Amino acid sequence: MKFVILAATILACAFATASTKYVMPRLPLKVLLSGKFQMIPDDKIVGGVEVAPNSLPFQVSMQRRGILPNSAYSHMCGGSILDATTILDAAHCVDGQNVARLRIVVGEHSIKEASGLEQISAVSSFTMHENYSSTTYENDISLIFVATPFDLSVDSAKPVNLPPPTSDFDPSAGTIITVSGWGTTSEGGTVSDTLLSVDIPVISDADCNTAYGGNAITPSMMCAGGPNGGIDSCQGDSGGPLFTGTGADAVQHGIVSWGQGCAQAAYPGVYTQVSYFLDWIAANRI
């Protein structure tokens, strides 16, 4: 994003050293402007394990083609299947994107090696929440619509379940919840070739707000992360699911949104809270 690039240019010289490379955290602009953040070294490994191939059949890879003719596609964001033509994602994953360069892959496990179970569709359109803010990351949710419906009768492609309308907005603090994706396995690193997941505890909104200096966590967000660091979502996991349960029985509670680096003990990952947006999802599905 433009504000990240600008802030990185201003601060890089002040925080970088000859022996350590530093990268910008993924934070809302108001947190960056508050000064209550840290530049982060890019060599911290994020915990996680490779999942059994196609054991998370709702997980998708959103990929973008390069701008040159005949450019290859590369993984950009995660996402999850809502139905044969609709993908649940983060608004910041599609903000400013050209749909002609995007595609969705379901049934993916290894990005480099084809299994024959992959289904690929071009993106026909997307809808971002009308009140999404790239400054605060509030309402960081979108629906992506594909041109060719996916076959959801196969075991490798199934819709994710949404929380019931009667559920509490937040899973309680301490609840163990899972996040998955092909994102980087270290801050500033490269994306994983295979789909990974990690189990992390939910952090209360109050504790998360304290970690980020106050007033950063809104009612439409939820937080999760390891109390001692070392486990978290990271760049490239954006838009992907935070869920309980396994396989076709999984229930999605969050969408990977933002955070201070990856897997830092003092800074939980911040997620769009799916239960907060059930009415919006229902109203905007085609």
Protein backbone atom coordinates (compact mmCIF):
# COMPACT_ATOMS: atom_id res chain seq x y z
CA MET A 1 0.00 0.00 0.00
CA LYS A 2 1.12 3.57 -0.61
CA PHE A 3 1.35 4.52 3.08
CA VAL A 4 3.49 1.48 3.82
CA ILE A 5 5.87 2.34 1.00
CA LEU A 6 6.09 5.96 2.15
CA ALA A 7 6.64 5.04 5.78
CA ALA A 8 9.23 2.46 4.82
CA THR A 9 11.16 5.05 2.83
CA ILE A 10 11.17 7.51 5.73
CA LEU A 11 12.07 5.02 8.44
CA ALA A 12 14.32 2.46 6.77
CA CYS A 13 17.53 4.36 7.33
CA ALA A 14 16.75 5.02 10.96
CA PHE A 15 16.07 1.38 11.84
CA ALA A 16 18.20 -0.72 9.50
CA THR A 17 21.70 -1.85 10.42
CA ALA A 18 24.51 -3.28 8.36
CA SER A 19 24.03 -6.76 9.81
CA THR A 20 20.23 -7.04 10.06
CA LYS A 21 17.54 -6.48 7.45
CA TYR A 22 14.32 -4.91 8.74
CA VAL A 23 10.87 -4.80 7.22
CA MET A 24 7.72 -2.80 7.89
CA PRO A 25 4.94 -4.31 9.99
CA ARG A 26 1.48 -4.75 8.43
CA LEU A 27 -0.44 -2.16 10.45
CA PRO A 28 -3.25 0.37 10.01
CA LEU A 29 -2.04 3.86 9.20
CA LYS A 30 -3.20 5.29 12.54
CA VAL A 31 -1.00 2.80 14.39
CA LEU A 32 1.97 3.69 12.20
CA LEU A 33 1.38 7.40 12.75
CA SER A 34 1.16 6.87 16.51
CA GLY A 35 4.74 5.66 16.52
CA LYS A 36 3.74 2.70 18.71
CA PHE A 37 5.24 0.01 16.53
CA GLN A 38 8.57 -1.62 15.85
CA MET A 39 10.50 -2.29 12.67
CA ILE A 40 10.95 -6.04 12.53
CA PRO A 41 13.83 -8.34 11.53
CA ASP A 42 12.96 -10.62 8.64
CA ASP A 43 14.49 -13.82 10.03
CA LYS A 44 11.88 -14.89 12.61
CA ILE A 45 10.37 -18.26 11.62
CA VAL A 46 6.61 -18.69 11.91
CA GLY A 47 5.51 -22.03 13.37
CA GLY A 48 3.22 -24.32 11.46
CA VAL A 49 2.94 -27.70 9.79
CA GLU A 50 2.04 -28.90 6.33
CA VAL A 51 -1.55 -30.09 6.20
CA ALA A 52 -2.58 -33.38 4.63
CA PRO A 53 -3.25 -32.64 0.93
CA ASN A 54 -6.79 -31.34 0.37
CA SER A 55 -7.77 -31.81 4.02
CA LEU A 56 -8.91 -28.16 4.09
CA PRO A 57 -11.14 -28.29 1.00
CA PHE A 58 -12.53 -24.78 1.56
CA GLN A 59 -9.10 -23.10 1.27
CA VAL A 60 -8.36 -21.31 -2.00
CA SER A 61 -5.35 -19.57 -3.50
CA MET A 62 -6.00 -16.19 -5.08
CA GLN A 63 -3.38 -15.67 -7.76
CA ARG A 64 -2.34 -12.70 -9.87
CA ARG A 65 -0.75 -12.68 -13.31
CA GLY A 66 2.23 -10.44 -14.00
CA ILE A 67 1.82 -7.37 -16.19
CA LEU A 68 4.03 -8.60 -19.06
CA PRO A 69 2.54 -10.69 -21.91
CA ASN A 70 2.44 -14.41 -21.08
CA SER A 71 3.40 -13.72 -17.47
CA ALA A 72 2.91 -16.54 -14.97
CA TYR A 73 0.46 -16.41 -12.07
CA SER A 74 1.76 -16.20 -8.53
CA HIS A 75 0.05 -16.70 -5.18
CA MET A 76 -1.19 -13.43 -3.70
CA CYS A 77 -3.78 -14.11 -0.98
CA GLY A 78 -5.78 -16.90 0.60
CA GLY A 79 -9.54 -17.14 0.70
CA SER A 80 -12.31 -19.64 1.34
CA ILE A 81 -15.19 -21.13 -0.64
CA LEU A 82 -18.70 -19.93 0.22
CA ASP A 83 -20.42 -21.58 -2.73
CA ALA A 84 -19.67 -22.65 -6.29
CA THR A 85 -19.23 -19.08 -7.53
CA THR A 86 -18.38 -17.08 -4.37
CA ILE A 87 -15.15 -16.71 -2.41
CA LEU A 88 -14.87 -15.03 1.00
CA ASP A 89 -11.78 -12.82 1.24
CA ALA A 90 -10.27 -9.68 2.71
CA ALA A 91 -11.00 -6.30 1.15
CA HIS A 92 -7.33 -5.37 1.14
CA CYS A 93 -6.61 -8.36 -1.12
CA VAL A 94 -8.78 -6.99 -3.94
CA ASP A 95 -8.55 -3.24 -3.30
CA GLY A 96 -7.29 -1.64 -6.53
CA GLN A 97 -6.87 -4.97 -8.33
CA ASN A 98 -7.62 -5.57 -12.01
CA VAL A 99 -9.96 -8.58 -12.23
CA ALA A 100 -8.50 -9.48 -15.63
CA ARG A 101 -5.23 -10.43 -13.90
CA LEU A 102 -6.80 -12.49 -11.09
CA ARG A 103 -7.77 -16.12 -10.79
CA ILE A 104 -8.92 -18.47 -8.03
CA VAL A 105 -7.53 -21.98 -7.59
CA VAL A 106 -9.38 -24.53 -5.45
CA GLY A 107 -8.13 -28.04 -4.66
CA GLU A 108 -4.61 -26.62 -4.42
CA HIS A 109 -1.95 -28.08 -2.12
CA SER A 110 1.43 -27.56 -3.75
CA ILE A 111 1.68 -24.37 -5.76
CA LYS A 112 4.53 -25.78 -7.86
CA GLU A 113 3.31 -29.35 -8.35
CA ALA A 114 -0.06 -30.10 -9.96
CA SER A 115 -2.04 -32.95 -8.42
CA GLY A 116 -4.85 -33.04 -10.96
CA LEU A 117 -7.38 -32.00 -8.31
CA GLU A 118 -7.00 -28.28 -8.94
CA GLN A 119 -9.89 -26.29 -10.35
CA ILE A 120 -9.11 -22.87 -11.79
CA SER A 121 -11.45 -20.02 -12.63
CA ALA A 122 -10.98 -16.44 -13.72
CA VAL A 123 -12.45 -13.73 -11.50
CA SER A 124 -15.49 -12.01 -12.99
CA SER A 125 -15.98 -9.37 -10.27
CA PHE A 126 -15.62 -8.62 -6.59
CA THR A 127 -17.49 -6.65 -3.94
CA MET A 128 -15.62 -4.90 -1.14
CA HIS A 129 -17.40 -3.75 1.99
CA GLU A 130 -18.65 -0.26 1.28
CA ASN A 131 -17.10 1.05 4.50
CA TYR A 132 -13.72 -0.66 4.18
CA SER A 133 -10.92 1.64 5.35
CA SER A 134 -7.36 1.13 4.21
CA THR A 135 -6.34 3.48 7.03
CA THR A 136 -7.83 1.48 9.92
CA TYR A 137 -8.51 -1.89 8.22
CA GLU A 138 -12.08 -1.71 9.51
CA ASN A 139 -14.57 -3.79 7.50
CA ASP A 140 -11.73 -5.69 5.81
CA ILE A 141 -13.98 -8.13 3.97
CA SER A 142 -14.86 -8.86 0.36
CA LEU A 143 -16.67 -11.36 -1.83
CA ILE A 144 -15.01 -12.56 -5.03
CA PHE A 145 -17.16 -13.98 -7.84
CA VAL A 146 -15.69 -16.43 -10.33
CA ALA A 147 -16.49 -16.79 -14.01
CA THR A 148 -16.74 -20.59 -14.01
CA PRO A 149 -18.55 -22.34 -11.14
CA PHE A 150 -16.47 -24.81 -9.17
CA ASP A 151 -17.52 -28.43 -8.82
CA LEU A 152 -18.18 -28.83 -5.10
CA SER A 153 -19.27 -32.46 -5.36
CA VAL A 154 -15.63 -33.58 -5.08
CA ASP A 155 -13.83 -34.08 -1.75
CA SER A 156 -11.10 -31.57 -2.66
CA ALA A 157 -13.50 -28.60 -2.93
CA LYS A 158 -16.14 -27.87 -0.29
CA PRO A 159 -17.71 -24.68 1.11
CA VAL A 160 -16.71 -23.49 4.54
CA ASN A 161 -19.38 -23.17 7.24
CA LEU A 162 -20.20 -19.75 8.68
CA PRO A 163 -20.96 -19.17 12.37
CA PRO A 164 -24.67 -19.44 13.21
CA PRO A 165 -26.48 -16.12 13.69
CA THR A 166 -27.09 -16.97 17.35
CA SER A 167 -23.39 -17.41 18.17
CA ASP A 168 -21.36 -14.95 20.21
CA PHE A 169 -19.44 -12.51 18.06
CA ASP A 170 -16.11 -13.63 19.54
CA PRO A 171 -14.90 -17.12 20.39
CA SER A 172 -13.81 -16.73 24.01
CA ALA A 173 -10.23 -15.84 24.87
CA GLY A 174 -8.04 -18.92 25.05
CA THR A 175 -10.06 -20.89 22.49
CA ILE A 176 -7.67 -22.75 20.21
CA ILE A 177 -8.33 -21.84 16.61
CA THR A 178 -6.56 -22.67 13.33
CA VAL A 179 -5.24 -20.45 10.55
CA SER A 180 -4.00 -21.76 7.21
CA GLY A 181 -2.32 -20.50 4.06
CA TRP A 182 0.63 -20.48 1.71
CA GLY A 183 2.04 -17.29 3.22
CA THR A 184 5.63 -16.61 4.14
CA THR A 185 7.20 -18.74 6.87
CA SER A 186 9.24 -15.79 8.10
CA GLU A 187 8.77 -12.03 8.14
CA GLY A 188 9.74 -10.74 4.72
CA GLY A 189 10.41 -14.28 3.49
CA THR A 190 9.04 -16.26 0.55
CA VAL A 191 5.67 -17.99 0.32
CA SER A 192 5.35 -21.66 1.19
CA ASP A 193 4.98 -24.11 -1.70
CA THR A 194 2.57 -26.30 0.29
CA LEU A 195 -0.45 -25.40 2.39
CA LEU A 196 0.41 -24.93 6.06
CA SER A 197 -1.69 -24.49 9.19
CA VAL A 198 -1.04 -23.56 12.80
CA ASP A 199 -3.17 -23.68 15.96
CA ILE A 200 -3.25 -20.47 18.00
CA PRO A 201 -5.28 -19.18 20.96
CA VAL A 202 -7.85 -16.40 20.70
CA ILE A 203 -6.75 -13.19 22.46
CA SER A 204 -9.32 -10.90 24.07
CA ASP A 205 -10.11 -7.61 22.34
CA ALA A 206 -9.03 -5.73 25.48
CA ASP A 207 -5.60 -7.38 25.59
CA CYS A 208 -5.17 -6.97 21.84
CA ASN A 209 -6.08 -3.28 22.04
CA THR A 210 -3.52 -2.80 24.80
CA ALA A 211 -0.86 -4.46 22.66
CA TYR A 212 -1.51 -2.02 19.82
CA GLY A 213 -1.61 1.11 21.95
CA GLY A 214 -5.39 1.44 22.28
CA ASN A 215 -8.23 2.25 19.83
CA ALA A 216 -6.89 0.04 17.04
CA ILE A 217 -9.16 -2.97 17.60
CA THR A 218 -12.77 -2.35 16.62
CA PRO A 219 -15.82 -4.55 17.35
CA SER A 220 -15.57 -6.03 13.85
CA MET A 221 -12.10 -7.45 14.53
CA MET A 222 -10.80 -10.37 16.58
CA CYS A 223 -7.28 -11.35 17.60
CA ALA A 224 -5.31 -14.57 17.95
CA GLY A 225 -1.68 -15.47 18.46
CA GLY A 226 0.80 -17.43 20.51
CA PRO A 227 1.47 -15.89 23.97
CA ASN A 228 5.19 -16.52 23.48
CA GLY A 229 5.29 -15.73 19.79
CA GLY A 230 6.56 -18.09 17.13
CA ILE A 231 3.15 -19.02 15.69
CA ASP A 232 1.04 -16.75 13.49
CA SER A 233 -0.25 -15.99 10.04
CA CYS A 234 2.05 -13.92 7.84
CA GLN A 235 2.30 -12.09 4.50
CA GLY A 236 0.54 -14.04 1.75
CA ASP A 237 -1.94 -15.56 4.21
CA SER A 238 -4.09 -12.42 3.95
CA GLY A 239 -7.71 -13.14 3.16
CA GLY A 240 -7.41 -16.72 4.34
CA PRO A 241 -9.51 -18.48 6.98
CA LEU A 242 -9.24 -18.57 10.77
CA PHE A 243 -11.41 -21.51 11.78
CA THR A 244 -12.36 -24.24 14.21
CA GLY A 245 -12.99 -27.84 13.24
CA THR A 246 -11.57 -29.77 10.33
CA GLY A 247 -12.37 -30.60 6.72
CA ALA A 248 -15.89 -29.97 5.51
CA ASP A 249 -17.05 -29.46 9.12
CA ALA A 250 -14.83 -26.42 9.71
CA VAL A 251 -16.45 -23.14 10.82
CA GLN A 252 -14.76 -19.91 9.76
CA HIS A 253 -14.53 -17.26 12.47
CA GLY A 254 -11.97 -14.85 11.03
CA ILE A 255 -10.27 -13.57 7.89
CA VAL A 256 -6.53 -12.84 7.99
CA SER A 257 -6.25 -9.04 8.05
CA TRP A 258 -3.28 -7.29 9.72
CA GLY A 259 -0.74 -7.30 12.53
CA GLN A 260 2.69 -6.16 13.80
CA GLY A 261 4.97 -8.38 11.77
CA CYS A 262 4.45 -12.10 12.21
CA ALA A 263 4.58 -14.31 15.30
CA GLN A 264 5.78 -11.65 17.72
CA ALA A 265 4.90 -12.44 21.33
CA ALA A 266 3.61 -8.96 22.18
CA TYR A 267 1.50 -8.50 19.04
CA PRO A 268 -1.34 -10.91 18.16
CA GLY A 269 -2.55 -11.28 14.60
CA VAL A 270 -5.72 -9.30 13.85
CA TYR A 271 -8.58 -10.83 11.88
CA THR A 272 -11.86 -9.65 10.39
CA GLN A 273 -14.58 -11.19 12.58
CA VAL A 274 -16.86 -13.16 10.27
CA SER A 275 -19.85 -13.35 12.62
CA TYR A 276 -20.01 -9.53 12.63
CA PHE A 277 -20.65 -9.56 8.86
CA LEU A 278 -23.18 -12.37 8.40
CA ASP A 279 -25.89 -9.96 7.25
CA TRP A 280 -23.49 -8.23 4.86
CA ILE A 281 -22.39 -11.55 3.38
CA ALA A 282 -26.00 -12.67 2.90
CA ALA A 283 -27.00 -9.36 1.28
CA ASN A 284 -24.09 -9.32 -1.17
CA ARG A 285 -23.94 -12.91 -2.36
CA ILE A 286 -25.10 -13.20 -5.97
